[in-house]
Amino acid sequence: MTKYFEESKVKLVFLPSYSPNLNLIKRLWKYFCKIVLYNKYYETFDEFKKACKSFLDGIKNTRKEISSLLTENFQIIGTNT
């Protein structure tokens, strides 16, 4: 596998064992929770599903916010390297 990755265009990025701030999907999940869950109460599960669907359907409209969250432009502070 190592040889394959060295010869391919795939770039492996190893993250520390617990690094939610570096994990892009965790960033998206946090944004989703902020919009759909925080300070919200849904009377029924159907209302909750509609809110989730609305978020996902409208994700194109939040491209600017999403783009600023899902970037690899970050720094790791306190490393020994």
PDB file of N, CA and C in Angstrom:
ATOM      1  N   MET A   1       0.817  -1.187   0.000  1.00  0.00           N
ATOM      2  CA  MET A   1       0.000   0.000   0.000  1.00  0.00           C
ATOM      3  C   MET A   1       0.862   1.251   0.000  1.00  0.00           C
ATOM      4  N   THR A   2       1.933   1.240   0.773  1.00  0.00           N
ATOM      5  CA  THR A   2       2.783   2.425   0.865  1.00  0.00           C
ATOM      6  C   THR A   2       3.330   2.790  -0.501  1.00  0.00           C
ATOM      7  N   LYS A   3       3.773   1.791  -1.241  1.00  0.00           N
ATOM      8  CA  LYS A   3       4.323   2.044  -2.571  1.00  0.00           C
ATOM      9  C   LYS A   3       3.245   2.631  -3.493  1.00  0.00           C
ATOM     10  N   TYR A   4       2.044   2.097  -3.419  1.00  0.00           N
ATOM     11  CA  TYR A   4       0.952   2.595  -4.242  1.00  0.00           C
ATOM     12  C   TYR A   4       0.696   4.074  -3.965  1.00  0.00           C
ATOM     13  N   PHE A   5       0.618   4.439  -2.701  1.00  0.00           N
ATOM     14  CA  PHE A   5       0.337   5.833  -2.352  1.00  0.00           C
ATOM     15  C   PHE A   5       1.482   6.757  -2.742  1.00  0.00           C
ATOM     16  N   GLU A   6       2.702   6.267  -2.680  1.00  0.00           N
ATOM     17  CA  GLU A   6       3.843   7.091  -3.092  1.00  0.00           C
ATOM     18  C   GLU A   6       3.786   7.384  -4.584  1.00  0.00           C
ATOM     19  N   GLU A   7       3.301   6.433  -5.367  1.00  0.00           N
ATOM     20  CA  GLU A   7       3.257   6.587  -6.816  1.00  0.00           C
ATOM     21  C   GLU A   7       1.956   7.229  -7.312  1.00  0.00           C
ATOM     22  N   SER A   8       0.943   7.274  -6.500  1.00  0.00           N
ATOM     23  CA  SER A   8      -0.344   7.816  -6.932  1.00  0.00           C
ATOM     24  C   SER A   8      -0.447   9.300  -6.600  1.00  0.00           C
ATOM     25  N   LYS A   9      -1.546   9.890  -7.022  1.00  0.00           N
ATOM     26  CA  LYS A   9      -1.799  11.305  -6.733  1.00  0.00           C
ATOM     27  C   LYS A   9      -2.514  11.484  -5.399  1.00  0.00           C
ATOM     28  N   VAL A  10      -2.755  10.390  -4.706  1.00  0.00           N
ATOM     29  CA  VAL A  10      -3.438  10.444  -3.418  1.00  0.00           C
ATOM     30  C   VAL A  10      -2.464  10.952  -2.362  1.00  0.00           C
ATOM     31  N   LYS A  11      -2.915  11.925  -1.602  1.00  0.00           N
ATOM     32  CA  LYS A  11      -2.088  12.474  -0.534  1.00  0.00           C
ATOM     33  C   LYS A  11      -2.712  12.084   0.803  1.00  0.00           C
ATOM     34  N   LEU A  12      -1.990  11.317   1.587  1.00  0.00           N
ATOM     35  CA  LEU A  12      -2.481  10.911   2.892  1.00  0.00           C
ATOM     36  C   LEU A  12      -2.172  11.994   3.908  1.00  0.00           C
ATOM     37  N   VAL A  13      -3.154  12.306   4.718  1.00  0.00           N
ATOM     38  CA  VAL A  13      -2.972  13.277   5.793  1.00  0.00           C
ATOM     39  C   VAL A  13      -3.331  12.565   7.089  1.00  0.00           C
ATOM     40  N   PHE A  14      -2.339  12.362   7.938  1.00  0.00           N
ATOM     41  CA  PHE A  14      -2.570  11.675   9.199  1.00  0.00           C
ATOM     42  C   PHE A  14      -2.921  12.695  10.266  1.00  0.00           C
ATOM     43  N   LEU A  15      -3.981  12.418  10.983  1.00  0.00           N
ATOM     44  CA  LEU A  15      -4.459  13.306  12.037  1.00  0.00           C
ATOM     45  C   LEU A  15      -4.138  12.692  13.395  1.00  0.00           C
ATOM     46  N   PRO A  16      -3.988  13.528  14.406  1.00  0.00           N
ATOM     47  CA  PRO A  16      -3.830  12.986  15.759  1.00  0.00           C
ATOM     48  C   PRO A  16      -5.040  12.116  16.106  1.00  0.00           C
ATOM     49  N   SER A  17      -4.872  11.216  17.064  1.00  0.00           N
ATOM     50  CA  SER A  17      -5.930  10.250  17.366  1.00  0.00           C
ATOM     51  C   SER A  17      -7.255  10.913  17.733  1.00  0.00           C
ATOM     52  N   TYR A  18      -7.236  12.019  18.438  1.00  0.00           N
ATOM     53  CA  TYR A  18      -8.478  12.730  18.725  1.00  0.00           C
ATOM     54  C   TYR A  18      -8.298  14.163  18.270  1.00  0.00           C
ATOM     55  N   SER A  19      -8.893  14.489  17.142  1.00  0.00           N
ATOM     56  CA  SER A  19      -8.709  15.827  16.569  1.00  0.00           C
ATOM     57  C   SER A  19      -9.968  16.271  15.834  1.00  0.00           C
ATOM     58  N   PRO A  20     -11.077  16.470  16.542  1.00  0.00           N
ATOM     59  CA  PRO A  20     -12.320  16.823  15.860  1.00  0.00           C
ATOM     60  C   PRO A  20     -12.240  18.139  15.094  1.00  0.00           C
ATOM     61  N   ASN A  21     -11.399  19.069  15.535  1.00  0.00           N
ATOM     62  CA  ASN A  21     -11.282  20.347  14.826  1.00  0.00           C
ATOM     63  C   ASN A  21     -10.578  20.194  13.487  1.00  0.00           C
ATOM     64  N   LEU A  22      -9.818  19.118  13.321  1.00  0.00           N
ATOM     65  CA  LEU A  22      -9.118  18.896  12.063  1.00  0.00           C
ATOM     66  C   LEU A  22      -9.920  18.017  11.109  1.00  0.00           C
ATOM     67  N   ASN A  23     -10.945  17.377  11.596  1.00  0.00           N
ATOM     68  CA  ASN A  23     -11.759  16.474  10.806  1.00  0.00           C
ATOM     69  C   ASN A  23     -12.879  17.274  10.129  1.00  0.00           C
ATOM     70  N   LEU A  24     -12.863  17.318   8.818  1.00  0.00           N
ATOM     71  CA  LEU A  24     -13.812  18.150   8.073  1.00  0.00           C
ATOM     72  C   LEU A  24     -15.266  17.741   8.304  1.00  0.00           C
ATOM     73  N   ILE A  25     -15.533  16.445   8.392  1.00  0.00           N
ATOM     74  CA  ILE A  25     -16.920  16.027   8.587  1.00  0.00           C
ATOM     75  C   ILE A  25     -17.413  16.435   9.970  1.00  0.00           C
ATOM     76  N   LYS A  26     -16.524  16.461  10.950  1.00  0.00           N
ATOM     77  CA  LYS A  26     -16.915  16.917  12.293  1.00  0.00           C
ATOM     78  C   LYS A  26     -17.273  18.401  12.267  1.00  0.00           C
ATOM     79  N   ARG A  27     -16.551  19.162  11.454  1.00  0.00           N
ATOM     80  CA  ARG A  27     -16.867  20.590  11.327  1.00  0.00           C
ATOM     81  C   ARG A  27     -18.245  20.790  10.709  1.00  0.00           C
ATOM     82  N   LEU A  28     -18.544  20.014   9.672  1.00  0.00           N
ATOM     83  CA  LEU A  28     -19.867  20.103   9.038  1.00  0.00           C
ATOM     84  C   LEU A  28     -20.956  19.672  10.020  1.00  0.00           C
ATOM     85  N   TRP A  29     -20.704  18.607  10.769  1.00  0.00           N
ATOM     86  CA  TRP A  29     -21.671  18.128  11.752  1.00  0.00           C
ATOM     87  C   TRP A  29     -21.935  19.196  12.807  1.00  0.00           C
ATOM     88  N   LYS A  30     -20.885  19.871  13.255  1.00  0.00           N
ATOM     89  CA  LYS A  30     -21.043  20.930  14.263  1.00  0.00           C
ATOM     90  C   LYS A  30     -21.911  22.068  13.711  1.00  0.00           C
ATOM     91  N   TYR A  31     -21.687  22.432  12.459  1.00  0.00           N
ATOM     92  CA  TYR A  31     -22.491  23.480  11.825  1.00  0.00           C
ATOM     93  C   TYR A  31     -23.948  23.030  11.692  1.00  0.00           C
ATOM     94  N   PHE A  32     -24.145  21.784  11.281  1.00  0.00           N
ATOM     95  CA  PHE A  32     -25.492  21.220  11.183  1.00  0.00           C
ATOM     96  C   PHE A  32     -26.206  21.306  12.532  1.00  0.00           C
ATOM     97  N   CYS A  33     -25.527  20.899  13.590  1.00  0.00           N
ATOM     98  CA  CYS A  33     -26.128  20.939  14.936  1.00  0.00           C
ATOM     99  C   CYS A  33     -26.468  22.366  15.341  1.00  0.00           C
ATOM    100  N   LYS A  34     -25.599  23.300  15.002  1.00  0.00           N
ATOM    101  CA  LYS A  34     -25.845  24.704  15.338  1.00  0.00           C
ATOM    102  C   LYS A  34     -27.128  25.204  14.673  1.00  0.00           C
ATOM    103  N   ILE A  35     -27.313  24.850  13.417  1.00  0.00           N
ATOM    104  CA  ILE A  35     -28.468  25.332  12.658  1.00  0.00           C
ATOM    105  C   ILE A  35     -29.745  24.556  13.005  1.00  0.00           C
ATOM    106  N   VAL A  36     -29.642  23.249  13.125  1.00  0.00           N
ATOM    107  CA  VAL A  36     -30.832  22.408  13.259  1.00  0.00           C
ATOM    108  C   VAL A  36     -31.200  22.097  14.713  1.00  0.00           C
ATOM    109  N   LEU A  37     -30.215  21.979  15.594  1.00  0.00           N
ATOM    110  CA  LEU A  37     -30.507  21.483  16.937  1.00  0.00           C
ATOM    111  C   LEU A  37     -30.455  22.515  18.054  1.00  0.00           C
ATOM    112  N   TYR A  38     -29.467  23.388  18.040  1.00  0.00           N
ATOM    113  CA  TYR A  38     -29.257  24.287  19.180  1.00  0.00           C
ATOM    114  C   TYR A  38     -30.464  25.183  19.424  1.00  0.00           C
ATOM    115  N   ASN A  39     -30.926  25.187  20.654  1.00  0.00           N
ATOM    116  CA  ASN A  39     -32.070  26.003  21.090  1.00  0.00           C
ATOM    117  C   ASN A  39     -33.328  25.762  20.263  1.00  0.00           C
ATOM    118  N   LYS A  40     -33.500  24.543  19.819  1.00  0.00           N
ATOM    119  CA  LYS A  40     -34.672  24.185  19.024  1.00  0.00           C
ATOM    120  C   LYS A  40     -35.423  23.051  19.722  1.00  0.00           C
ATOM    121  N   TYR A  41     -36.710  23.075  19.591  1.00  0.00           N
ATOM    122  CA  TYR A  41     -37.548  21.975  20.072  1.00  0.00           C
ATOM    123  C   TYR A  41     -38.493  21.584  18.950  1.00  0.00           C
ATOM    124  N   TYR A  42     -38.497  20.314  18.624  1.00  0.00           N
ATOM    125  CA  TYR A  42     -39.385  19.808  17.585  1.00  0.00           C
ATOM    126  C   TYR A  42     -40.461  18.962  18.257  1.00  0.00           C
ATOM    127  N   GLU A  43     -41.686  19.339  18.053  1.00  0.00           N
ATOM    128  CA  GLU A  43     -42.828  18.660  18.684  1.00  0.00           C
ATOM    129  C   GLU A  43     -42.904  17.202  18.255  1.00  0.00           C
ATOM    130  N   THR A  44     -42.588  16.954  16.983  1.00  0.00           N
ATOM    131  CA  THR A  44     -42.671  15.586  16.462  1.00  0.00           C
ATOM    132  C   THR A  44     -41.384  15.235  15.728  1.00  0.00           C
ATOM    133  N   PHE A  45     -41.192  13.939  15.557  1.00  0.00           N
ATOM    134  CA  PHE A  45     -40.032  13.473  14.807  1.00  0.00           C
ATOM    135  C   PHE A  45     -40.117  13.935  13.355  1.00  0.00           C
ATOM    136  N   ASP A  46     -41.317  14.021  12.826  1.00  0.00           N
ATOM    137  CA  ASP A  46     -41.514  14.483  11.455  1.00  0.00           C
ATOM    138  C   ASP A  46     -41.021  15.925  11.280  1.00  0.00           C
ATOM    139  N   GLU A  47     -41.270  16.771  12.270  1.00  0.00           N
ATOM    140  CA  GLU A  47     -40.769  18.155  12.215  1.00  0.00           C
ATOM    141  C   GLU A  47     -39.244  18.172  12.217  1.00  0.00           C
ATOM    142  N   PHE A  48     -38.660  17.298  13.031  1.00  0.00           N
ATOM    143  CA  PHE A  48     -37.201  17.196  13.077  1.00  0.00           C
ATOM    144  C   PHE A  48     -36.641  16.747  11.727  1.00  0.00           C
ATOM    145  N   LYS A  49     -37.272  15.739  11.136  1.00  0.00           N
ATOM    146  CA  LYS A  49     -36.827  15.269   9.819  1.00  0.00           C
ATOM    147  C   LYS A  49     -36.928  16.376   8.779  1.00  0.00           C
ATOM    148  N   LYS A  50     -37.997  17.162   8.843  1.00  0.00           N
ATOM    149  CA  LYS A  50     -38.167  18.271   7.897  1.00  0.00           C
ATOM    150  C   LYS A  50     -37.069  19.317   8.080  1.00  0.00           C
ATOM    151  N   ALA A  51     -36.694  19.588   9.321  1.00  0.00           N
ATOM    152  CA  ALA A  51     -35.621  20.549   9.583  1.00  0.00           C
ATOM    153  C   ALA A  51     -34.294  20.033   9.034  1.00  0.00           C
ATOM    154  N   CYS A  52     -34.040  18.746   9.206  1.00  0.00           N
ATOM    155  CA  CYS A  52     -32.812  18.144   8.668  1.00  0.00           C
ATOM    156  C   CYS A  52     -32.803  18.213   7.146  1.00  0.00           C
ATOM    157  N   LYS A  53     -33.917  17.861   6.541  1.00  0.00           N
ATOM    158  CA  LYS A  53     -34.023  17.900   5.076  1.00  0.00           C
ATOM    159  C   LYS A  53     -33.878  19.325   4.564  1.00  0.00           C
ATOM    160  N   SER A  54     -34.472  20.263   5.266  1.00  0.00           N
ATOM    161  CA  SER A  54     -34.369  21.665   4.871  1.00  0.00           C
ATOM    162  C   SER A  54     -32.918  22.136   4.899  1.00  0.00           C
ATOM    163  N   PHE A  55     -32.189  21.730   5.932  1.00  0.00           N
ATOM    164  CA  PHE A  55     -30.770  22.086   6.014  1.00  0.00           C
ATOM    165  C   PHE A  55     -30.012  21.522   4.823  1.00  0.00           C
ATOM    166  N   LEU A  56     -30.207  20.240   4.551  1.00  0.00           N
ATOM    167  CA  LEU A  56     -29.481  19.591   3.460  1.00  0.00           C
ATOM    168  C   LEU A  56     -29.897  20.138   2.101  1.00  0.00           C
ATOM    169  N   ASP A  57     -31.175  20.425   1.918  1.00  0.00           N
ATOM    170  CA  ASP A  57     -31.642  20.995   0.653  1.00  0.00           C
ATOM    171  C   ASP A  57     -31.094  22.404   0.440  1.00  0.00           C
ATOM    172  N   GLY A  58     -30.914  23.138   1.517  1.00  0.00           N
ATOM    173  CA  GLY A  58     -30.456  24.517   1.412  1.00  0.00           C
ATOM    174  C   GLY A  58     -28.962  24.700   1.561  1.00  0.00           C
ATOM    175  N   ILE A  59     -28.229  23.602   1.547  1.00  0.00           N
ATOM    176  CA  ILE A  59     -26.784  23.695   1.770  1.00  0.00           C
ATOM    177  C   ILE A  59     -26.097  24.513   0.672  1.00  0.00           C
ATOM    178  N   LYS A  60     -26.669  24.515  -0.522  1.00  0.00           N
ATOM    179  CA  LYS A  60     -26.101  25.325  -1.609  1.00  0.00           C
ATOM    180  C   LYS A  60     -26.187  26.811  -1.281  1.00  0.00           C
ATOM    181  N   ASN A  61     -27.204  27.191  -0.532  1.00  0.00           N
ATOM    182  CA  ASN A  61     -27.383  28.601  -0.171  1.00  0.00           C
ATOM    183  C   ASN A  61     -26.424  29.058   0.924  1.00  0.00           C
ATOM    184  N   THR A  62     -25.795  28.119   1.593  1.00  0.00           N
ATOM    185  CA  THR A  62     -24.847  28.458   2.664  1.00  0.00           C
ATOM    186  C   THR A  62     -23.416  28.146   2.243  1.00  0.00           C
ATOM    187  N   ARG A  63     -23.185  28.175   0.958  1.00  0.00           N
ATOM    188  CA  ARG A  63     -21.871  27.795   0.430  1.00  0.00           C
ATOM    189  C   ARG A  63     -20.738  28.598   1.061  1.00  0.00           C
ATOM    190  N   LYS A  64     -20.959  29.892   1.280  1.00  0.00           N
ATOM    191  CA  LYS A  64     -19.903  30.736   1.845  1.00  0.00           C
ATOM    192  C   LYS A  64     -19.534  30.281   3.259  1.00  0.00           C
ATOM    193  N   GLU A  65     -20.544  30.042   4.089  1.00  0.00           N
ATOM    194  CA  GLU A  65     -20.299  29.592   5.457  1.00  0.00           C
ATOM    195  C   GLU A  65     -19.647  28.212   5.474  1.00  0.00           C
ATOM    196  N   ILE A  66     -20.169  27.318   4.656  1.00  0.00           N
ATOM    197  CA  ILE A  66     -19.630  25.956   4.591  1.00  0.00           C
ATOM    198  C   ILE A  66     -18.185  25.982   4.104  1.00  0.00           C
ATOM    199  N   SER A  67     -17.907  26.788   3.087  1.00  0.00           N
ATOM    200  CA  SER A  67     -16.544  26.866   2.552  1.00  0.00           C
ATOM    201  C   SER A  67     -15.558  27.367   3.589  1.00  0.00           C
ATOM    202  N   SER A  68     -15.992  28.286   4.435  1.00  0.00           N
ATOM    203  CA  SER A  68     -15.079  28.796   5.460  1.00  0.00           C
ATOM    204  C   SER A  68     -14.825  27.752   6.546  1.00  0.00           C
ATOM    205  N   LEU A  69     -15.758  26.843   6.754  1.00  0.00           N
ATOM    206  CA  LEU A  69     -15.581  25.790   7.758  1.00  0.00           C
ATOM    207  C   LEU A  69     -14.789  24.607   7.225  1.00  0.00           C
ATOM    208  N   LEU A  70     -15.031  24.261   5.978  1.00  0.00           N
ATOM    209  CA  LEU A  70     -14.433  23.061   5.401  1.00  0.00           C
ATOM    210  C   LEU A  70     -13.193  23.411   4.597  1.00  0.00           C
ATOM    211  N   THR A  71     -12.200  23.880   5.286  1.00  0.00           N
ATOM    212  CA  THR A  71     -10.947  24.235   4.651  1.00  0.00           C
ATOM    213  C   THR A  71      -9.812  23.486   5.326  1.00  0.00           C
ATOM    214  N   GLU A  72      -8.759  23.262   4.611  1.00  0.00           N
ATOM    215  CA  GLU A  72      -7.582  22.625   5.197  1.00  0.00           C
ATOM    216  C   GLU A  72      -6.593  23.673   5.682  1.00  0.00           C
ATOM    217  N   ASN A  73      -7.029  24.902   5.745  1.00  0.00           N
ATOM    218  CA  ASN A  73      -6.172  25.994   6.194  1.00  0.00           C
ATOM    219  C   ASN A  73      -6.256  26.092   7.719  1.00  0.00           C
ATOM    220  N   PHE A  74      -5.490  25.270   8.398  1.00  0.00           N
ATOM    221  CA  PHE A  74      -5.485  25.273   9.850  1.00  0.00           C
ATOM    222  C   PHE A  74      -4.064  25.058  10.346  1.00  0.00           C
ATOM    223  N   GLN A  75      -3.851  25.360  11.593  1.00  0.00           N
ATOM    224  CA  GLN A  75      -2.546  25.173  12.214  1.00  0.00           C
ATOM    225  C   GLN A  75      -2.694  24.236  13.394  1.00  0.00           C
ATOM    226  N   ILE A  76      -1.696  23.408  13.586  1.00  0.00           N
ATOM    227  CA  ILE A  76      -1.650  22.548  14.755  1.00  0.00           C
ATOM    228  C   ILE A  76      -0.685  23.195  15.730  1.00  0.00           C
ATOM    229  N   ILE A  77      -1.183  23.561  16.887  1.00  0.00           N
ATOM    230  CA  ILE A  77      -0.384  24.264  17.886  1.00  0.00           C
ATOM    231  C   ILE A  77       0.112  23.266  18.916  1.00  0.00           C
ATOM    232  N   GLY A  78       1.357  23.440  19.306  1.00  0.00           N
ATOM    233  CA  GLY A  78       1.901  22.611  20.372  1.00  0.00           C
ATOM    234  C   GLY A  78       2.461  21.285  19.919  1.00  0.00           C
ATOM    235  N   THR A  79       2.825  21.159  18.653  1.00  0.00           N
ATOM    236  CA  THR A  79       3.429  19.916  18.187  1.00  0.00           C
ATOM    237  C   THR A  79       4.926  19.977  18.401  1.00  0.00           C
ATOM    238  N   ASN A  80       5.536  18.836  18.460  1.00  0.00           N
ATOM    239  CA  ASN A  80       6.982  18.757  18.674  1.00  0.00           C
ATOM    240  C   ASN A  80       7.750  18.617  17.374  1.00  0.00           C
ATOM    241  N   THR A  81       7.105  18.769  16.246  1.00  0.00           N
ATOM    242  CA  THR A  81       7.786  18.594  14.964  1.00  0.00           C
ATOM    243  C   THR A  81       8.288  19.893  14.423  1.00  0.00           C
TER     244      THR A  81
END
